Amino acid sequence: HVCSDPAERIAELKAEWAEATGDNPDDYQLSEDDWSVGLGDDGARE
């Protein structure tokens, strides 16, 4: 295993959240509970 760039992974997760919620995550200060709405618990934790 070779780790991917964390910034790339953050961008992927933000895009996934945006697609699931129809909102831009950069417009908010999101808590882990907020992230879990679009990413599920594991994605939010990640």
PDB file of all heavy atoms in Angstrom:
ATOM      1  N   HIS A   1       0.820  -1.219   0.000  1.00  0.00           N
ATOM      2  CA  HIS A   1       0.000   0.000   0.000  1.00  0.00           C
ATOM      3  C   HIS A   1       0.852   1.266   0.000  1.00  0.00           C
ATOM      4  O   HIS A   1       1.804   1.394   0.762  1.00  0.00           O
ATOM      5  CB  HIS A   1      -0.915   0.008   1.223  1.00  0.00           C
ATOM      6  CG  HIS A   1      -1.690   1.274   1.371  1.00  0.00           C
ATOM      7  ND1 HIS A   1      -2.682   1.638   0.492  1.00  0.00           N
ATOM      8  CD2 HIS A   1      -1.599   2.263   2.284  1.00  0.00           C
ATOM      9  CE1 HIS A   1      -3.175   2.807   0.878  1.00  0.00           C
ATOM     10  NE2 HIS A   1      -2.532   3.207   1.959  1.00  0.00           N
ATOM     11  N   VAL A   2       0.495   2.195  -0.853  1.00  0.00           N
ATOM     12  CA  VAL A   2       1.111   3.526  -0.888  1.00  0.00           C
ATOM     13  C   VAL A   2      -0.014   4.529  -0.640  1.00  0.00           C
ATOM     14  O   VAL A   2      -1.025   4.534  -1.358  1.00  0.00           O
ATOM     15  CB  VAL A   2       1.777   3.811  -2.251  1.00  0.00           C
ATOM     16  CG1 VAL A   2       2.339   5.218  -2.289  1.00  0.00           C
ATOM     17  CG2 VAL A   2       2.847   2.771  -2.538  1.00  0.00           C
ATOM     18  N   CYS A   3       0.138   5.338   0.382  1.00  0.00           N
ATOM     19  CA  CYS A   3      -0.906   6.302   0.731  1.00  0.00           C
ATOM     20  C   CYS A   3      -1.116   7.315  -0.390  1.00  0.00           C
ATOM     21  O   CYS A   3      -0.160   7.790  -0.995  1.00  0.00           O
ATOM     22  CB  CYS A   3      -0.538   7.067   2.003  1.00  0.00           C
ATOM     23  SG  CYS A   3      -0.633   6.086   3.499  1.00  0.00           S
ATOM     24  N   SER A   4      -2.368   7.617  -0.607  1.00  0.00           N
ATOM     25  CA  SER A   4      -2.686   8.679  -1.549  1.00  0.00           C
ATOM     26  C   SER A   4      -2.473  10.016  -0.840  1.00  0.00           C
ATOM     27  O   SER A   4      -2.336  10.080   0.375  1.00  0.00           O
ATOM     28  CB  SER A   4      -4.138   8.559  -2.013  1.00  0.00           C
ATOM     29  OG  SER A   4      -5.011   8.718  -0.908  1.00  0.00           O
ATOM     30  N   ASP A   5      -2.456  11.062  -1.598  1.00  0.00           N
ATOM     31  CA  ASP A   5      -2.311  12.403  -1.049  1.00  0.00           C
ATOM     32  C   ASP A   5      -3.562  12.728  -0.225  1.00  0.00           C
ATOM     33  O   ASP A   5      -4.673  12.663  -0.744  1.00  0.00           O
ATOM     34  CB  ASP A   5      -2.159  13.389  -2.211  1.00  0.00           C
ATOM     35  CG  ASP A   5      -1.995  14.818  -1.762  1.00  0.00           C
ATOM     36  OD1 ASP A   5      -2.014  15.091  -0.547  1.00  0.00           O
ATOM     37  OD2 ASP A   5      -1.854  15.677  -2.641  1.00  0.00           O
ATOM     38  N   PRO A   6      -3.409  13.053   1.078  1.00  0.00           N
ATOM     39  CA  PRO A   6      -4.583  13.354   1.906  1.00  0.00           C
ATOM     40  C   PRO A   6      -5.463  14.460   1.318  1.00  0.00           C
ATOM     41  O   PRO A   6      -6.677  14.398   1.427  1.00  0.00           O
ATOM     42  CB  PRO A   6      -3.984  13.774   3.249  1.00  0.00           C
ATOM     43  CG  PRO A   6      -2.638  13.167   3.282  1.00  0.00           C
ATOM     44  CD  PRO A   6      -2.167  13.125   1.856  1.00  0.00           C
ATOM     45  N   ALA A   7      -4.855  15.445   0.671  1.00  0.00           N
ATOM     46  CA  ALA A   7      -5.650  16.531   0.081  1.00  0.00           C
ATOM     47  C   ALA A   7      -6.560  15.996  -1.026  1.00  0.00           C
ATOM     48  O   ALA A   7      -7.712  16.431  -1.161  1.00  0.00           O
ATOM     49  CB  ALA A   7      -4.733  17.623  -0.465  1.00  0.00           C
ATOM     50  N   GLU A   8      -6.055  15.037  -1.792  1.00  0.00           N
ATOM     51  CA  GLU A   8      -6.884  14.422  -2.837  1.00  0.00           C
ATOM     52  C   GLU A   8      -8.040  13.656  -2.223  1.00  0.00           C
ATOM     53  O   GLU A   8      -9.167  13.727  -2.704  1.00  0.00           O
ATOM     54  CB  GLU A   8      -6.047  13.478  -3.704  1.00  0.00           C
ATOM     55  CG  GLU A   8      -5.092  14.176  -4.636  1.00  0.00           C
ATOM     56  CD  GLU A   8      -4.262  13.186  -5.451  1.00  0.00           C
ATOM     57  OE1 GLU A   8      -4.697  12.027  -5.626  1.00  0.00           O
ATOM     58  OE2 GLU A   8      -3.181  13.584  -5.911  1.00  0.00           O
ATOM     59  N   ARG A   9      -7.764  12.926  -1.153  1.00  0.00           N
ATOM     60  CA  ARG A   9      -8.813  12.138  -0.503  1.00  0.00           C
ATOM     61  C   ARG A   9      -9.849  13.060   0.130  1.00  0.00           C
ATOM     62  O   ARG A   9     -11.055  12.792   0.058  1.00  0.00           O
ATOM     63  CB  ARG A   9      -8.198  11.208   0.544  1.00  0.00           C
ATOM     64  CG  ARG A   9      -9.200  10.315   1.222  1.00  0.00           C
ATOM     65  CD  ARG A   9      -9.825   9.338   0.257  1.00  0.00           C
ATOM     66  NE  ARG A   9     -10.785   8.491   0.965  1.00  0.00           N
ATOM     67  CZ  ARG A   9     -11.926   8.079   0.457  1.00  0.00           C
ATOM     68  NH1 ARG A   9     -12.252   8.358  -0.787  1.00  0.00           N
ATOM     69  NH2 ARG A   9     -12.743   7.346   1.170  1.00  0.00           N
ATOM     70  N   ILE A  10      -9.416  14.151   0.729  1.00  0.00           N
ATOM     71  CA  ILE A  10     -10.356  15.120   1.302  1.00  0.00           C
ATOM     72  C   ILE A  10     -11.258  15.671   0.206  1.00  0.00           C
ATOM     73  O   ILE A  10     -12.477  15.775   0.376  1.00  0.00           O
ATOM     74  CB  ILE A  10      -9.607  16.257   2.038  1.00  0.00           C
ATOM     75  CG1 ILE A  10      -8.967  15.713   3.319  1.00  0.00           C
ATOM     76  CG2 ILE A  10     -10.537  17.425   2.350  1.00  0.00           C
ATOM     77  CD1 ILE A  10      -7.984  16.663   3.980  1.00  0.00           C
ATOM     78  N   ALA A  11     -10.681  16.011  -0.938  1.00  0.00           N
ATOM     79  CA  ALA A  11     -11.465  16.530  -2.065  1.00  0.00           C
ATOM     80  C   ALA A  11     -12.486  15.496  -2.546  1.00  0.00           C
ATOM     81  O   ALA A  11     -13.636  15.839  -2.851  1.00  0.00           O
ATOM     82  CB  ALA A  11     -10.544  16.949  -3.201  1.00  0.00           C
ATOM     83  N   GLU A  12     -12.070  14.216  -2.601  1.00  0.00           N
ATOM     84  CA  GLU A  12     -13.000  13.149  -3.008  1.00  0.00           C
ATOM     85  C   GLU A  12     -14.171  13.045  -2.036  1.00  0.00           C
ATOM     86  O   GLU A  12     -15.326  12.933  -2.458  1.00  0.00           O
ATOM     87  CB  GLU A  12     -12.276  11.807  -3.056  1.00  0.00           C
ATOM     88  CG  GLU A  12     -11.299  11.638  -4.186  1.00  0.00           C
ATOM     89  CD  GLU A  12     -10.493  10.339  -4.057  1.00  0.00           C
ATOM     90  OE1 GLU A  12     -10.777   9.518  -3.153  1.00  0.00           O
ATOM     91  OE2 GLU A  12      -9.567  10.167  -4.862  1.00  0.00           O
ATOM     92  N   LEU A  13     -13.870  13.067  -0.739  1.00  0.00           N
ATOM     93  CA  LEU A  13     -14.922  12.948   0.263  1.00  0.00           C
ATOM     94  C   LEU A  13     -15.844  14.166   0.253  1.00  0.00           C
ATOM     95  O   LEU A  13     -17.059  14.031   0.403  1.00  0.00           O
ATOM     96  CB  LEU A  13     -14.315  12.732   1.647  1.00  0.00           C
ATOM     97  CG  LEU A  13     -13.670  11.362   1.864  1.00  0.00           C
ATOM     98  CD1 LEU A  13     -12.835  11.364   3.140  1.00  0.00           C
ATOM     99  CD2 LEU A  13     -14.717  10.271   1.906  1.00  0.00           C
ATOM    100  N   LYS A  14     -15.280  15.358   0.065  1.00  0.00           N
ATOM    101  CA  LYS A  14     -16.112  16.560  -0.025  1.00  0.00           C
ATOM    102  C   LYS A  14     -17.048  16.490  -1.231  1.00  0.00           C
ATOM    103  O   LYS A  14     -18.219  16.855  -1.147  1.00  0.00           O
ATOM    104  CB  LYS A  14     -15.245  17.816  -0.113  1.00  0.00           C
ATOM    105  CG  LYS A  14     -14.633  18.229   1.212  1.00  0.00           C
ATOM    106  CD  LYS A  14     -13.847  19.520   1.056  1.00  0.00           C
ATOM    107  CE  LYS A  14     -13.341  20.043   2.380  1.00  0.00           C
ATOM    108  NZ  LYS A  14     -12.661  21.345   2.230  1.00  0.00           N
ATOM    109  N   ALA A  15     -16.522  16.008  -2.362  1.00  0.00           N
ATOM    110  CA  ALA A  15     -17.353  15.868  -3.570  1.00  0.00           C
ATOM    111  C   ALA A  15     -18.461  14.843  -3.340  1.00  0.00           C
ATOM    112  O   ALA A  15     -19.602  15.048  -3.776  1.00  0.00           O
ATOM    113  CB  ALA A  15     -16.481  15.472  -4.758  1.00  0.00           C
ATOM    114  N   GLU A  16     -18.129  13.765  -2.655  1.00  0.00           N
ATOM    115  CA  GLU A  16     -19.138  12.737  -2.349  1.00  0.00           C
ATOM    116  C   GLU A  16     -20.231  13.313  -1.449  1.00  0.00           C
ATOM    117  O   GLU A  16     -21.421  13.081  -1.656  1.00  0.00           O
ATOM    118  CB  GLU A  16     -18.446  11.555  -1.665  1.00  0.00           C
ATOM    119  CG  GLU A  16     -19.330  10.363  -1.422  1.00  0.00           C
ATOM    120  CD  GLU A  16     -18.576   9.208  -0.777  1.00  0.00           C
ATOM    121  OE1 GLU A  16     -17.369   9.017  -1.063  1.00  0.00           O
ATOM    122  OE2 GLU A  16     -19.211   8.486   0.017  1.00  0.00           O
ATOM    123  N   TRP A  17     -19.832  14.089  -0.430  1.00  0.00           N
ATOM    124  CA  TRP A  17     -20.795  14.715   0.465  1.00  0.00           C
ATOM    125  C   TRP A  17     -21.673  15.704  -0.302  1.00  0.00           C
ATOM    126  O   TRP A  17     -22.880  15.728  -0.135  1.00  0.00           O
ATOM    127  CB  TRP A  17     -20.066  15.424   1.611  1.00  0.00           C
ATOM    128  CG  TRP A  17     -20.984  15.967   2.675  1.00  0.00           C
ATOM    129  CD1 TRP A  17     -21.444  15.301   3.764  1.00  0.00           C
ATOM    130  CD2 TRP A  17     -21.544  17.282   2.741  1.00  0.00           C
ATOM    131  NE1 TRP A  17     -22.264  16.122   4.505  1.00  0.00           N
ATOM    132  CE2 TRP A  17     -22.341  17.342   3.889  1.00  0.00           C
ATOM    133  CE3 TRP A  17     -21.455  18.408   1.928  1.00  0.00           C
ATOM    134  CZ2 TRP A  17     -23.033  18.485   4.266  1.00  0.00           C
ATOM    135  CZ3 TRP A  17     -22.141  19.550   2.291  1.00  0.00           C
ATOM    136  CH2 TRP A  17     -22.925  19.582   3.454  1.00  0.00           C
ATOM    137  N   ALA A  18     -21.044  16.513  -1.161  1.00  0.00           N
ATOM    138  CA  ALA A  18     -21.784  17.506  -1.948  1.00  0.00           C
ATOM    139  C   ALA A  18     -22.808  16.824  -2.858  1.00  0.00           C
ATOM    140  O   ALA A  18     -23.949  17.290  -2.985  1.00  0.00           O
ATOM    141  CB  ALA A  18     -20.818  18.360  -2.772  1.00  0.00           C
ATOM    142  N   GLU A  19     -22.411  15.719  -3.477  1.00  0.00           N
ATOM    143  CA  GLU A  19     -23.329  14.996  -4.357  1.00  0.00           C
ATOM    144  C   GLU A  19     -24.502  14.411  -3.573  1.00  0.00           C
ATOM    145  O   GLU A  19     -25.647  14.459  -4.017  1.00  0.00           O
ATOM    146  CB  GLU A  19     -22.580  13.876  -5.078  1.00  0.00           C
ATOM    147  CG  GLU A  19     -23.442  13.146  -6.098  1.00  0.00           C
ATOM    148  CD  GLU A  19     -22.662  12.108  -6.874  1.00  0.00           C
ATOM    149  OE1 GLU A  19     -21.448  12.296  -7.115  1.00  0.00           O
ATOM    150  OE2 GLU A  19     -23.275  11.091  -7.231  1.00  0.00           O
ATOM    151  N   ALA A  20     -24.223  13.905  -2.385  1.00  0.00           N
ATOM    152  CA  ALA A  20     -25.267  13.286  -1.565  1.00  0.00           C
ATOM    153  C   ALA A  20     -26.226  14.308  -0.966  1.00  0.00           C
ATOM    154  O   ALA A  20     -27.410  14.029  -0.792  1.00  0.00           O
ATOM    155  CB  ALA A  20     -24.634  12.454  -0.453  1.00  0.00           C
ATOM    156  N   THR A  21     -25.718  15.509  -0.662  1.00  0.00           N
ATOM    157  CA  THR A  21     -26.540  16.502   0.031  1.00  0.00           C
ATOM    158  C   THR A  21     -27.016  17.644  -0.856  1.00  0.00           C
ATOM    159  O   THR A  21     -27.927  18.380  -0.485  1.00  0.00           O
ATOM    160  CB  THR A  21     -25.764  17.121   1.210  1.00  0.00           C
ATOM    161  OG1 THR A  21     -24.620  17.819   0.703  1.00  0.00           O
ATOM    162  CG2 THR A  21     -25.343  16.055   2.217  1.00  0.00           C
ATOM    163  N   GLY A  22     -26.354  17.825  -2.006  1.00  0.00           N
ATOM    164  CA  GLY A  22     -26.695  18.954  -2.875  1.00  0.00           C
ATOM    165  C   GLY A  22     -26.186  20.279  -2.346  1.00  0.00           C
ATOM    166  O   GLY A  22     -26.678  21.336  -2.735  1.00  0.00           O
ATOM    167  N   ASP A  23     -25.230  20.239  -1.473  1.00  0.00           N
ATOM    168  CA  ASP A  23     -24.700  21.454  -0.843  1.00  0.00           C
ATOM    169  C   ASP A  23     -23.185  21.474  -0.945  1.00  0.00           C
ATOM    170  O   ASP A  23     -22.557  20.453  -1.208  1.00  0.00           O
ATOM    171  CB  ASP A  23     -25.105  21.475   0.631  1.00  0.00           C
ATOM    172  CG  ASP A  23     -25.711  22.792   1.061  1.00  0.00           C
ATOM    173  OD1 ASP A  23     -25.387  23.821   0.444  1.00  0.00           O
ATOM    174  OD2 ASP A  23     -26.502  22.786   2.010  1.00  0.00           O
ATOM    175  N   ASN A  24     -22.581  22.632  -0.717  1.00  0.00           N
ATOM    176  CA  ASN A  24     -21.125  22.780  -0.764  1.00  0.00           C
ATOM    177  C   ASN A  24     -20.569  22.723   0.662  1.00  0.00           C
ATOM    178  O   ASN A  24     -20.857  23.611   1.472  1.00  0.00           O
ATOM    179  CB  ASN A  24     -20.757  24.107  -1.429  1.00  0.00           C
ATOM    180  CG  ASN A  24     -19.268  24.317  -1.559  1.00  0.00           C
ATOM    181  OD1 ASN A  24     -18.470  23.565  -1.014  1.00  0.00           O
ATOM    182  ND2 ASN A  24     -18.885  25.346  -2.276  1.00  0.00           N
ATOM    183  N   PRO A  25     -19.750  21.716   0.984  1.00  0.00           N
ATOM    184  CA  PRO A  25     -19.248  21.600   2.357  1.00  0.00           C
ATOM    185  C   PRO A  25     -18.338  22.747   2.773  1.00  0.00           C
ATOM    186  O   PRO A  25     -18.195  23.021   3.969  1.00  0.00           O
ATOM    187  CB  PRO A  25     -18.489  20.268   2.353  1.00  0.00           C
ATOM    188  CG  PRO A  25     -18.122  20.040   0.928  1.00  0.00           C
ATOM    189  CD  PRO A  25     -19.234  20.657   0.119  1.00  0.00           C
ATOM    190  N   ASP A  26     -17.740  23.445   1.807  1.00  0.00           N
ATOM    191  CA  ASP A  26     -16.860  24.559   2.141  1.00  0.00           C
ATOM    192  C   ASP A  26     -17.624  25.776   2.652  1.00  0.00           C
ATOM    193  O   ASP A  26     -17.028  26.708   3.179  1.00  0.00           O
ATOM    194  CB  ASP A  26     -15.997  24.936   0.936  1.00  0.00           C
ATOM    195  CG  ASP A  26     -14.994  23.844   0.589  1.00  0.00           C
ATOM    196  OD1 ASP A  26     -14.528  23.141   1.518  1.00  0.00           O
ATOM    197  OD2 ASP A  26     -14.686  23.677  -0.604  1.00  0.00           O
ATOM    198  N   ASP A  27     -18.944  25.755   2.507  1.00  0.00           N
ATOM    199  CA  ASP A  27     -19.768  26.857   2.995  1.00  0.00           C
ATOM    200  C   ASP A  27     -20.110  26.728   4.482  1.00  0.00           C
ATOM    201  O   ASP A  27     -20.756  27.609   5.044  1.00  0.00           O
ATOM    202  CB  ASP A  27     -21.080  26.942   2.203  1.00  0.00           C
ATOM    203  CG  ASP A  27     -20.864  27.373   0.762  1.00  0.00           C
ATOM    204  OD1 ASP A  27     -19.791  27.925   0.446  1.00  0.00           O
ATOM    205  OD2 ASP A  27     -21.776  27.144  -0.058  1.00  0.00           O
ATOM    206  N   TYR A  28     -19.703  25.620   5.098  1.00  0.00           N
ATOM    207  CA  TYR A  28     -20.100  25.323   6.477  1.00  0.00           C
ATOM    208  C   TYR A  28     -18.913  24.879   7.320  1.00  0.00           C
ATOM    209  O   TYR A  28     -17.916  24.417   6.804  1.00  0.00           O
ATOM    210  CB  TYR A  28     -21.146  24.192   6.507  1.00  0.00           C
ATOM    211  CG  TYR A  28     -22.349  24.471   5.658  1.00  0.00           C
ATOM    212  CD1 TYR A  28     -22.427  23.964   4.367  1.00  0.00           C
ATOM    213  CD2 TYR A  28     -23.395  25.246   6.127  1.00  0.00           C
ATOM    214  CE1 TYR A  28     -23.528  24.214   3.569  1.00  0.00           C
ATOM    215  CE2 TYR A  28     -24.507  25.509   5.343  1.00  0.00           C
ATOM    216  CZ  TYR A  28     -24.564  24.984   4.062  1.00  0.00           C
ATOM    217  OH  TYR A  28     -25.652  25.237   3.277  1.00  0.00           O
ATOM    218  N   GLN A  29     -19.070  24.977   8.625  1.00  0.00           N
ATOM    219  CA  GLN A  29     -18.154  24.383   9.599  1.00  0.00           C
ATOM    220  C   GLN A  29     -18.842  23.097  10.046  1.00  0.00           C
ATOM    221  O   GLN A  29     -19.696  23.113  10.920  1.00  0.00           O
ATOM    222  CB  GLN A  29     -17.942  25.347  10.779  1.00  0.00           C
ATOM    223  CG  GLN A  29     -16.953  24.881  11.794  1.00  0.00           C
ATOM    224  CD  GLN A  29     -15.521  24.991  11.289  1.00  0.00           C
ATOM    225  OE1 GLN A  29     -15.235  25.711  10.345  1.00  0.00           O
ATOM    226  NE2 GLN A  29     -14.631  24.261  11.917  1.00  0.00           N
ATOM    227  N   LEU A  30     -18.514  21.972   9.405  1.00  0.00           N
ATOM    228  CA  LEU A  30     -19.252  20.734   9.615  1.00  0.00           C
ATOM    229  C   LEU A  30     -18.699  19.903  10.766  1.00  0.00           C
ATOM    230  O   LEU A  30     -17.481  19.756  10.910  1.00  0.00           O
ATOM    231  CB  LEU A  30     -19.234  19.889   8.332  1.00  0.00           C
ATOM    232  CG  LEU A  30     -19.889  20.549   7.117  1.00  0.00           C
ATOM    233  CD1 LEU A  30     -19.625  19.731   5.868  1.00  0.00           C
ATOM    234  CD2 LEU A  30     -21.373  20.713   7.343  1.00  0.00           C
ATOM    235  N   SER A  31     -19.605  19.353  11.562  1.00  0.00           N
ATOM    236  CA  SER A  31     -19.229  18.428  12.628  1.00  0.00           C
ATOM    237  C   SER A  31     -19.197  17.017  12.046  1.00  0.00           C
ATOM    238  O   SER A  31     -19.629  16.783  10.910  1.00  0.00           O
ATOM    239  CB  SER A  31     -20.266  18.480  13.754  1.00  0.00           C
ATOM    240  OG  SER A  31     -21.498  17.930  13.292  1.00  0.00           O
ATOM    241  N   GLU A  32     -18.719  16.075  12.818  1.00  0.00           N
ATOM    242  CA  GLU A  32     -18.697  14.687  12.359  1.00  0.00           C
ATOM    243  C   GLU A  32     -20.119  14.207  12.059  1.00  0.00           C
ATOM    244  O   GLU A  32     -20.344  13.489  11.090  1.00  0.00           O
ATOM    245  CB  GLU A  32     -18.037  13.783  13.402  1.00  0.00           C
ATOM    246  CG  GLU A  32     -17.793  12.378  12.898  1.00  0.00           C
ATOM    247  CD  GLU A  32     -16.882  11.560  13.789  1.00  0.00           C
ATOM    248  OE1 GLU A  32     -16.041  12.120  14.505  1.00  0.00           O
ATOM    249  OE2 GLU A  32     -17.028  10.324  13.747  1.00  0.00           O
ATOM    250  N   ASP A  33     -21.090  14.637  12.859  1.00  0.00           N
ATOM    251  CA  ASP A  33     -22.488  14.266  12.597  1.00  0.00           C
ATOM    252  C   ASP A  33     -22.964  14.837  11.266  1.00  0.00           C
ATOM    253  O   ASP A  33     -23.694  14.179  10.524  1.00  0.00           O
ATOM    254  CB  ASP A  33     -23.402  14.759  13.722  1.00  0.00           C
ATOM    255  CG  ASP A  33     -23.257  13.936  14.997  1.00  0.00           C
ATOM    256  OD1 ASP A  33     -22.777  12.787  14.912  1.00  0.00           O
ATOM    257  OD2 ASP A  33     -23.629  14.448  16.063  1.00  0.00           O
ATOM    258  N   ASP A  34     -22.572  16.073  10.957  1.00  0.00           N
ATOM    259  CA  ASP A  34     -22.952  16.684   9.679  1.00  0.00           C
ATOM    260  C   ASP A  34     -22.355  15.905   8.509  1.00  0.00           C
ATOM    261  O   ASP A  34     -23.031  15.655   7.512  1.00  0.00           O
ATOM    262  CB  ASP A  34     -22.478  18.139   9.606  1.00  0.00           C
ATOM    263  CG  ASP A  34     -23.129  19.034  10.648  1.00  0.00           C
ATOM    264  OD1 ASP A  34     -24.294  18.796  11.002  1.00  0.00           O
ATOM    265  OD2 ASP A  34     -22.453  19.966  11.112  1.00  0.00           O
ATOM    266  N   TRP A  35     -21.076  15.537   8.627  1.00  0.00           N
ATOM    267  CA  TRP A  35     -20.419  14.779   7.561  1.00  0.00           C
ATOM    268  C   TRP A  35     -21.095  13.435   7.353  1.00  0.00           C
ATOM    269  O   TRP A  35     -21.193  12.937   6.232  1.00  0.00           O
ATOM    270  CB  TRP A  35     -18.936  14.564   7.877  1.00  0.00           C
ATOM    271  CG  TRP A  35     -18.065  15.755   7.671  1.00  0.00           C
ATOM    272  CD1 TRP A  35     -17.409  16.459   8.640  1.00  0.00           C
ATOM    273  CD2 TRP A  35     -17.729  16.397   6.431  1.00  0.00           C
ATOM    274  NE1 TRP A  35     -16.688  17.498   8.077  1.00  0.00           N
ATOM    275  CE2 TRP A  35     -16.873  17.470   6.713  1.00  0.00           C
ATOM    276  CE3 TRP A  35     -18.078  16.168   5.106  1.00  0.00           C
ATOM    277  CZ2 TRP A  35     -16.349  18.311   5.746  1.00  0.00           C
ATOM    278  CZ3 TRP A  35     -17.563  16.996   4.125  1.00  0.00           C
ATOM    279  CH2 TRP A  35     -16.714  18.054   4.445  1.00  0.00           C
ATOM    280  N   SER A  36     -21.572  12.821   8.442  1.00  0.00           N
ATOM    281  CA  SER A  36     -22.149  11.474   8.346  1.00  0.00           C
ATOM    282  C   SER A  36     -23.443  11.458   7.536  1.00  0.00           C
ATOM    283  O   SER A  36     -23.810  10.426   6.991  1.00  0.00           O
ATOM    284  CB  SER A  36     -22.377  10.870   9.735  1.00  0.00           C
ATOM    285  OG  SER A  36     -23.405  11.547  10.419  1.00  0.00           O
ATOM    286  N   VAL A  37     -24.107  12.603   7.410  1.00  0.00           N
ATOM    287  CA  VAL A  37     -25.332  12.672   6.610  1.00  0.00           C
ATOM    288  C   VAL A  37     -25.052  12.271   5.167  1.00  0.00           C
ATOM    289  O   VAL A  37     -25.809  11.521   4.561  1.00  0.00           O
ATOM    290  CB  VAL A  37     -25.953  14.088   6.666  1.00  0.00           C
ATOM    291  CG1 VAL A  37     -27.097  14.219   5.686  1.00  0.00           C
ATOM    292  CG2 VAL A  37     -26.402  14.414   8.079  1.00  0.00           C
ATOM    293  N   GLY A  38     -23.937  12.721   4.607  1.00  0.00           N
ATOM    294  CA  GLY A  38     -23.619  12.410   3.225  1.00  0.00           C
ATOM    295  C   GLY A  38     -22.596  11.310   3.038  1.00  0.00           C
ATOM    296  O   GLY A  38     -22.503  10.724   1.962  1.00  0.00           O
ATOM    297  N   LEU A  39     -21.831  11.004   4.111  1.00  0.00           N
ATOM    298  CA  LEU A  39     -20.730  10.050   3.963  1.00  0.00           C
ATOM    299  C   LEU A  39     -20.895   8.772   4.776  1.00  0.00           C
ATOM    300  O   LEU A  39     -20.105   7.848   4.621  1.00  0.00           O
ATOM    301  CB  LEU A  39     -19.407  10.708   4.377  1.00  0.00           C
ATOM    302  CG  LEU A  39     -18.953  11.913   3.583  1.00  0.00           C
ATOM    303  CD1 LEU A  39     -17.683  12.496   4.201  1.00  0.00           C
ATOM    304  CD2 LEU A  39     -18.722  11.537   2.130  1.00  0.00           C
ATOM    305  N   GLY A  40     -21.873   8.730   5.651  1.00  0.00           N
ATOM    306  CA  GLY A  40     -21.976   7.598   6.574  1.00  0.00           C
ATOM    307  C   GLY A  40     -20.984   7.784   7.704  1.00  0.00           C
ATOM    308  O   GLY A  40     -20.123   8.673   7.664  1.00  0.00           O
ATOM    309  N   ASP A  41     -21.088   6.952   8.713  1.00  0.00           N
ATOM    310  CA  ASP A  41     -20.245   7.102   9.905  1.00  0.00           C
ATOM    311  C   ASP A  41     -18.758   6.932   9.622  1.00  0.00           C
ATOM    312  O   ASP A  41     -17.937   7.700  10.100  1.00  0.00           O
ATOM    313  CB  ASP A  41     -20.679   6.126  10.999  1.00  0.00           C
ATOM    314  CG  ASP A  41     -22.045   6.472  11.581  1.00  0.00           C
ATOM    315  OD1 ASP A  41     -22.472   7.640  11.440  1.00  0.00           O
ATOM    316  OD2 ASP A  41     -22.677   5.582  12.169  1.00  0.00           O
ATOM    317  N   ASP A  42     -18.396   5.908   8.823  1.00  0.00           N
ATOM    318  CA  ASP A  42     -16.977   5.671   8.539  1.00  0.00           C
ATOM    319  C   ASP A  42     -16.382   6.800   7.705  1.00  0.00           C
ATOM    320  O   ASP A  42     -15.269   7.248   7.961  1.00  0.00           O
ATOM    321  CB  ASP A  42     -16.773   4.331   7.823  1.00  0.00           C
ATOM    322  CG  ASP A  42     -16.970   3.144   8.745  1.00  0.00           C
ATOM    323  OD1 ASP A  42     -16.958   3.335   9.974  1.00  0.00           O
ATOM    324  OD2 ASP A  42     -17.142   2.024   8.230  1.00  0.00           O
ATOM    325  N   GLY A  43     -17.111   7.266   6.715  1.00  0.00           N
ATOM    326  CA  GLY A  43     -16.638   8.370   5.882  1.00  0.00           C
ATOM    327  C   GLY A  43     -16.493   9.650   6.681  1.00  0.00           C
ATOM    328  O   GLY A  43     -15.544  10.407   6.493  1.00  0.00           O
ATOM    329  N   ALA A  44     -17.442   9.884   7.600  1.00  0.00           N
ATOM    330  CA  ALA A  44     -17.378  11.073   8.449  1.00  0.00           C
ATOM    331  C   ALA A  44     -16.152  11.014   9.347  1.00  0.00           C
ATOM    332  O   ALA A  44     -15.418  11.998   9.474  1.00  0.00           O
ATOM    333  CB  ALA A  44     -18.648  11.181   9.280  1.00  0.00           C
ATOM    334  N   ARG A  45     -15.918   9.848   9.940  1.00  0.00           N
ATOM    335  CA  ARG A  45     -14.750   9.682  10.807  1.00  0.00           C
ATOM    336  C   ARG A  45     -13.472   9.904  10.008  1.00  0.00           C
ATOM    337  O   ARG A  45     -12.549  10.569  10.460  1.00  0.00           O
ATOM    338  CB  ARG A  45     -14.763   8.273  11.417  1.00  0.00           C
ATOM    339  CG  ARG A  45     -13.740   8.056  12.487  1.00  0.00           C
ATOM    340  CD  ARG A  45     -13.860   6.685  13.158  1.00  0.00           C
ATOM    341  NE  ARG A  45     -15.217   6.282  13.460  1.00  0.00           N
ATOM    342  CZ  ARG A  45     -15.880   5.296  12.808  1.00  0.00           C
ATOM    343  NH1 ARG A  45     -15.305   4.631  11.845  1.00  0.00           N
ATOM    344  NH2 ARG A  45     -17.113   4.990  13.143  1.00  0.00           N
ATOM    345  N   GLU A  46     -13.444   9.352   8.793  1.00  0.00           N
ATOM    346  CA  GLU A  46     -12.257   9.483   7.946  1.00  0.00           C
ATOM    347  C   GLU A  46     -11.963  10.933   7.603  1.00  0.00           C
ATOM    348  O   GLU A  46     -10.832  11.397   7.749  1.00  0.00           O
ATOM    349  CB  GLU A  46     -12.445   8.670   6.660  1.00  0.00           C
ATOM    350  CG  GLU A  46     -11.298   8.772   5.705  1.00  0.00           C
ATOM    351  CD  GLU A  46     -11.538   8.042   4.390  1.00  0.00           C
ATOM    352  OE1 GLU A  46     -12.559   7.331   4.242  1.00  0.00           O
ATOM    353  OE2 GLU A  46     -10.678   8.193   3.505  1.00  0.00           O
TER     354      GLU A  46
END
